[in-house]
Amino acid sequence: MGSNGHKLLTVLVFSGLGVYSGVKFFEPLVVEQLRKDGNLRADIDVPQFDKNGDKIVNGVDQSVELDRLRERLEQKKE
């Protein structure tokens, strides 16, 4: 693979990473705005997000669970 091939591969990799990270960043914002506007379709399964924009997996809010764990660990220290 020549120099042009390496340049093309680099552009493709960074473009892919940019699109992926952009989708991951903006997904919670877009879903929340659609929900507020009443334009969120009910026939499509849309992931739920917590207040920090993290996905809620299997009905478990990870930020709440981490806060509970942190409180328990702090109580054990005392």
N, C-alpha and C. Protein backbone atom coordinates (compact mmCIF):
# COMPACT_ATOMS: atom_id res chain seq x y z
N MET A 1 0.86 -1.16 0.00
CA MET A 1 0.00 0.00 0.00
C MET A 1 0.91 1.22 0.00
N GLY A 2 0.64 2.10 -0.91
CA GLY A 2 1.47 3.29 -1.05
C GLY A 2 1.07 4.39 -0.10
N SER A 3 1.69 5.51 -0.28
CA SER A 3 1.43 6.67 0.57
C SER A 3 -0.02 7.13 0.47
N ASN A 4 -0.56 7.10 -0.75
CA ASN A 4 -1.95 7.50 -0.93
C ASN A 4 -2.91 6.55 -0.22
N GLY A 5 -2.57 5.28 -0.20
CA GLY A 5 -3.40 4.29 0.49
C GLY A 5 -3.42 4.54 1.99
N HIS A 6 -2.27 4.88 2.56
CA HIS A 6 -2.20 5.18 3.99
C HIS A 6 -2.99 6.44 4.32
N LYS A 7 -2.91 7.43 3.47
CA LYS A 7 -3.65 8.67 3.70
C LYS A 7 -5.15 8.40 3.65
N LEU A 8 -5.57 7.61 2.67
CA LEU A 8 -6.99 7.28 2.55
C LEU A 8 -7.47 6.49 3.76
N LEU A 9 -6.69 5.53 4.21
CA LEU A 9 -7.05 4.73 5.38
C LEU A 9 -7.16 5.61 6.63
N THR A 10 -6.23 6.54 6.78
CA THR A 10 -6.26 7.46 7.92
C THR A 10 -7.51 8.33 7.89
N VAL A 11 -7.85 8.85 6.74
CA VAL A 11 -9.05 9.69 6.61
C VAL A 11 -10.29 8.87 6.92
N LEU A 12 -10.35 7.65 6.43
CA LEU A 12 -11.52 6.80 6.68
C LEU A 12 -11.66 6.46 8.16
N VAL A 13 -10.56 6.14 8.82
CA VAL A 13 -10.61 5.79 10.24
C VAL A 13 -11.07 6.98 11.07
N PHE A 14 -10.47 8.15 10.84
CA PHE A 14 -10.84 9.32 11.62
C PHE A 14 -12.25 9.81 11.29
N SER A 15 -12.68 9.64 10.07
CA SER A 15 -14.06 10.00 9.72
C SER A 15 -15.04 9.08 10.43
N GLY A 16 -14.74 7.80 10.45
CA GLY A 16 -15.59 6.84 11.14
C GLY A 16 -15.67 7.12 12.64
N LEU A 17 -14.53 7.42 13.24
CA LEU A 17 -14.52 7.75 14.67
C LEU A 17 -15.30 9.03 14.95
N GLY A 18 -15.19 10.00 14.07
CA GLY A 18 -15.91 11.26 14.24
C GLY A 18 -17.41 11.07 14.17
N VAL A 19 -17.86 10.29 13.22
CA VAL A 19 -19.29 10.03 13.07
C VAL A 19 -19.80 9.24 14.27
N TYR A 20 -19.07 8.21 14.68
CA TYR A 20 -19.48 7.39 15.81
C TYR A 20 -19.58 8.21 17.09
N SER A 21 -18.55 9.00 17.39
CA SER A 21 -18.58 9.79 18.62
C SER A 21 -19.63 10.89 18.55
N GLY A 22 -19.87 11.44 17.39
CA GLY A 22 -20.91 12.45 17.24
C GLY A 22 -22.29 11.88 17.49
N VAL A 23 -22.54 10.69 16.97
CA VAL A 23 -23.84 10.04 17.19
C VAL A 23 -24.02 9.71 18.67
N LYS A 24 -22.98 9.19 19.31
CA LYS A 24 -23.07 8.86 20.73
C LYS A 24 -23.29 10.10 21.58
N PHE A 25 -22.70 11.23 21.21
CA PHE A 25 -22.85 12.46 21.97
C PHE A 25 -24.22 13.08 21.79
N PHE A 26 -24.70 13.16 20.55
CA PHE A 26 -25.94 13.88 20.27
C PHE A 26 -27.20 13.04 20.42
N GLU A 27 -27.09 11.72 20.49
CA GLU A 27 -28.27 10.86 20.58
C GLU A 27 -29.16 11.22 21.77
N PRO A 28 -28.65 11.34 23.01
CA PRO A 28 -29.54 11.69 24.13
C PRO A 28 -30.18 13.06 23.96
N LEU A 29 -29.45 14.01 23.39
CA LEU A 29 -29.99 15.36 23.21
C LEU A 29 -31.14 15.36 22.21
N VAL A 30 -30.98 14.65 21.12
CA VAL A 30 -32.01 14.60 20.08
C VAL A 30 -33.24 13.86 20.59
N VAL A 31 -33.05 12.74 21.27
CA VAL A 31 -34.18 11.97 21.79
C VAL A 31 -34.97 12.81 22.80
N GLU A 32 -34.28 13.51 23.68
CA GLU A 32 -34.96 14.34 24.68
C GLU A 32 -35.75 15.46 24.02
N GLN A 33 -35.18 16.09 23.01
CA GLN A 33 -35.88 17.18 22.33
C GLN A 33 -37.10 16.67 21.58
N LEU A 34 -36.99 15.52 20.93
CA LEU A 34 -38.14 14.93 20.25
C LEU A 34 -39.24 14.58 21.25
N ARG A 35 -38.84 14.07 22.42
CA ARG A 35 -39.82 13.74 23.45
C ARG A 35 -40.53 15.00 23.95
N LYS A 36 -39.79 16.09 24.15
CA LYS A 36 -40.39 17.35 24.61
C LYS A 36 -41.36 17.91 23.57
N ASP A 37 -40.99 17.81 22.30
CA ASP A 37 -41.82 18.35 21.23
C ASP A 37 -43.03 17.48 20.91
N GLY A 38 -43.03 16.24 21.41
CA GLY A 38 -44.12 15.32 21.11
C GLY A 38 -43.98 14.67 19.75
N ASN A 39 -42.80 14.68 19.18
CA ASN A 39 -42.57 14.10 17.86
C ASN A 39 -41.87 12.75 17.91
N LEU A 40 -41.72 12.18 19.10
CA LEU A 40 -41.05 10.89 19.24
C LEU A 40 -42.03 9.78 18.88
N ARG A 41 -41.64 8.95 17.92
CA ARG A 41 -42.52 7.88 17.46
C ARG A 41 -42.64 6.79 18.51
N ALA A 42 -43.86 6.31 18.71
CA ALA A 42 -44.13 5.29 19.72
C ALA A 42 -43.88 3.88 19.20
N ASP A 43 -43.84 3.71 17.87
CA ASP A 43 -43.67 2.37 17.31
C ASP A 43 -42.21 1.94 17.20
N ILE A 44 -41.28 2.82 17.56
CA ILE A 44 -39.86 2.51 17.51
C ILE A 44 -39.32 2.46 18.93
N ASP A 45 -38.57 1.41 19.25
CA ASP A 45 -37.98 1.28 20.57
C ASP A 45 -36.84 2.29 20.70
N VAL A 46 -37.00 3.25 21.59
CA VAL A 46 -36.01 4.30 21.79
C VAL A 46 -35.36 4.08 23.15
N PRO A 47 -34.03 4.11 23.22
CA PRO A 47 -33.38 3.90 24.51
C PRO A 47 -33.70 5.03 25.49
N GLN A 48 -33.72 4.68 26.76
CA GLN A 48 -33.95 5.67 27.82
C GLN A 48 -32.59 6.17 28.31
N PHE A 49 -32.54 7.45 28.69
CA PHE A 49 -31.30 8.06 29.16
C PHE A 49 -31.54 8.69 30.52
N ASP A 50 -30.48 8.68 31.37
CA ASP A 50 -30.59 9.34 32.66
C ASP A 50 -30.25 10.81 32.52
N LYS A 51 -30.19 11.52 33.65
CA LYS A 51 -29.95 12.97 33.61
C LYS A 51 -28.57 13.33 33.07
N ASN A 52 -27.63 12.38 33.11
CA ASN A 52 -26.28 12.62 32.60
C ASN A 52 -26.12 12.25 31.14
N GLY A 53 -27.16 11.70 30.54
CA GLY A 53 -27.09 11.30 29.14
C GLY A 53 -26.61 9.88 28.93
N ASP A 54 -26.46 9.11 30.02
CA ASP A 54 -26.05 7.71 29.92
C ASP A 54 -27.28 6.83 29.72
N LYS A 55 -27.12 5.77 28.96
CA LYS A 55 -28.25 4.87 28.70
C LYS A 55 -28.63 4.12 29.97
N ILE A 56 -29.93 3.93 30.13
CA ILE A 56 -30.45 3.12 31.22
C ILE A 56 -30.61 1.71 30.67
N VAL A 57 -29.85 0.76 31.21
CA VAL A 57 -29.82 -0.60 30.71
C VAL A 57 -30.65 -1.49 31.64
N ASN A 58 -31.59 -2.21 31.07
CA ASN A 58 -32.47 -3.13 31.81
C ASN A 58 -33.17 -2.44 32.97
N GLY A 59 -33.55 -1.21 32.79
CA GLY A 59 -34.28 -0.48 33.82
C GLY A 59 -33.42 -0.03 34.99
N VAL A 60 -32.11 -0.16 34.88
CA VAL A 60 -31.21 0.22 35.97
C VAL A 60 -30.45 1.48 35.58
N ASP A 61 -30.65 2.53 36.38
CA ASP A 61 -29.95 3.79 36.16
C ASP A 61 -28.58 3.68 36.82
N GLN A 62 -27.53 3.60 36.02
CA GLN A 62 -26.19 3.36 36.54
C GLN A 62 -25.71 4.47 37.46
N SER A 63 -26.07 5.72 37.17
CA SER A 63 -25.60 6.82 38.02
C SER A 63 -26.22 6.72 39.42
N VAL A 64 -27.48 6.31 39.51
CA VAL A 64 -28.13 6.14 40.81
C VAL A 64 -27.48 4.98 41.56
N GLU A 65 -27.23 3.90 40.86
CA GLU A 65 -26.60 2.74 41.50
C GLU A 65 -25.19 3.07 41.99
N LEU A 66 -24.44 3.85 41.22
CA LEU A 66 -23.10 4.24 41.64
C LEU A 66 -23.15 5.16 42.85
N ASP A 67 -24.14 6.04 42.91
CA ASP A 67 -24.30 6.91 44.07
C ASP A 67 -24.62 6.09 45.32
N ARG A 68 -25.49 5.10 45.19
CA ARG A 68 -25.81 4.22 46.32
C ARG A 68 -24.58 3.46 46.79
N LEU A 69 -23.81 2.95 45.85
CA LEU A 69 -22.60 2.21 46.19
C LEU A 69 -21.59 3.12 46.89
N ARG A 70 -21.45 4.35 46.39
CA ARG A 70 -20.53 5.30 47.00
C ARG A 70 -20.94 5.61 48.44
N GLU A 71 -22.24 5.80 48.68
CA GLU A 71 -22.73 6.05 50.03
C GLU A 71 -22.47 4.87 50.96
N ARG A 72 -22.69 3.65 50.47
CA ARG A 72 -22.42 2.48 51.30
C ARG A 72 -20.95 2.36 51.65
N LEU A 73 -20.08 2.63 50.68
CA LEU A 73 -18.65 2.54 50.94
C LEU A 73 -18.19 3.63 51.92
N GLU A 74 -18.77 4.81 51.83
CA GLU A 74 -18.42 5.88 52.77
C GLU A 74 -18.91 5.54 54.17
N GLN A 75 -20.07 4.88 54.29
CA GLN A 75 -20.56 4.48 55.60
C GLN A 75 -19.67 3.41 56.23
N LYS A 76 -19.13 2.52 55.40
CA LYS A 76 -18.25 1.47 55.91
C LYS A 76 -16.93 2.06 56.40
N LYS A 77 -16.47 3.16 55.78
CA LYS A 77 -15.22 3.80 56.23
C LYS A 77 -15.37 4.32 57.65
N GLU A 78 -16.53 4.87 57.94
CA GLU A 78 -16.77 5.48 59.25
C GLU A 78 -17.04 4.42 60.24
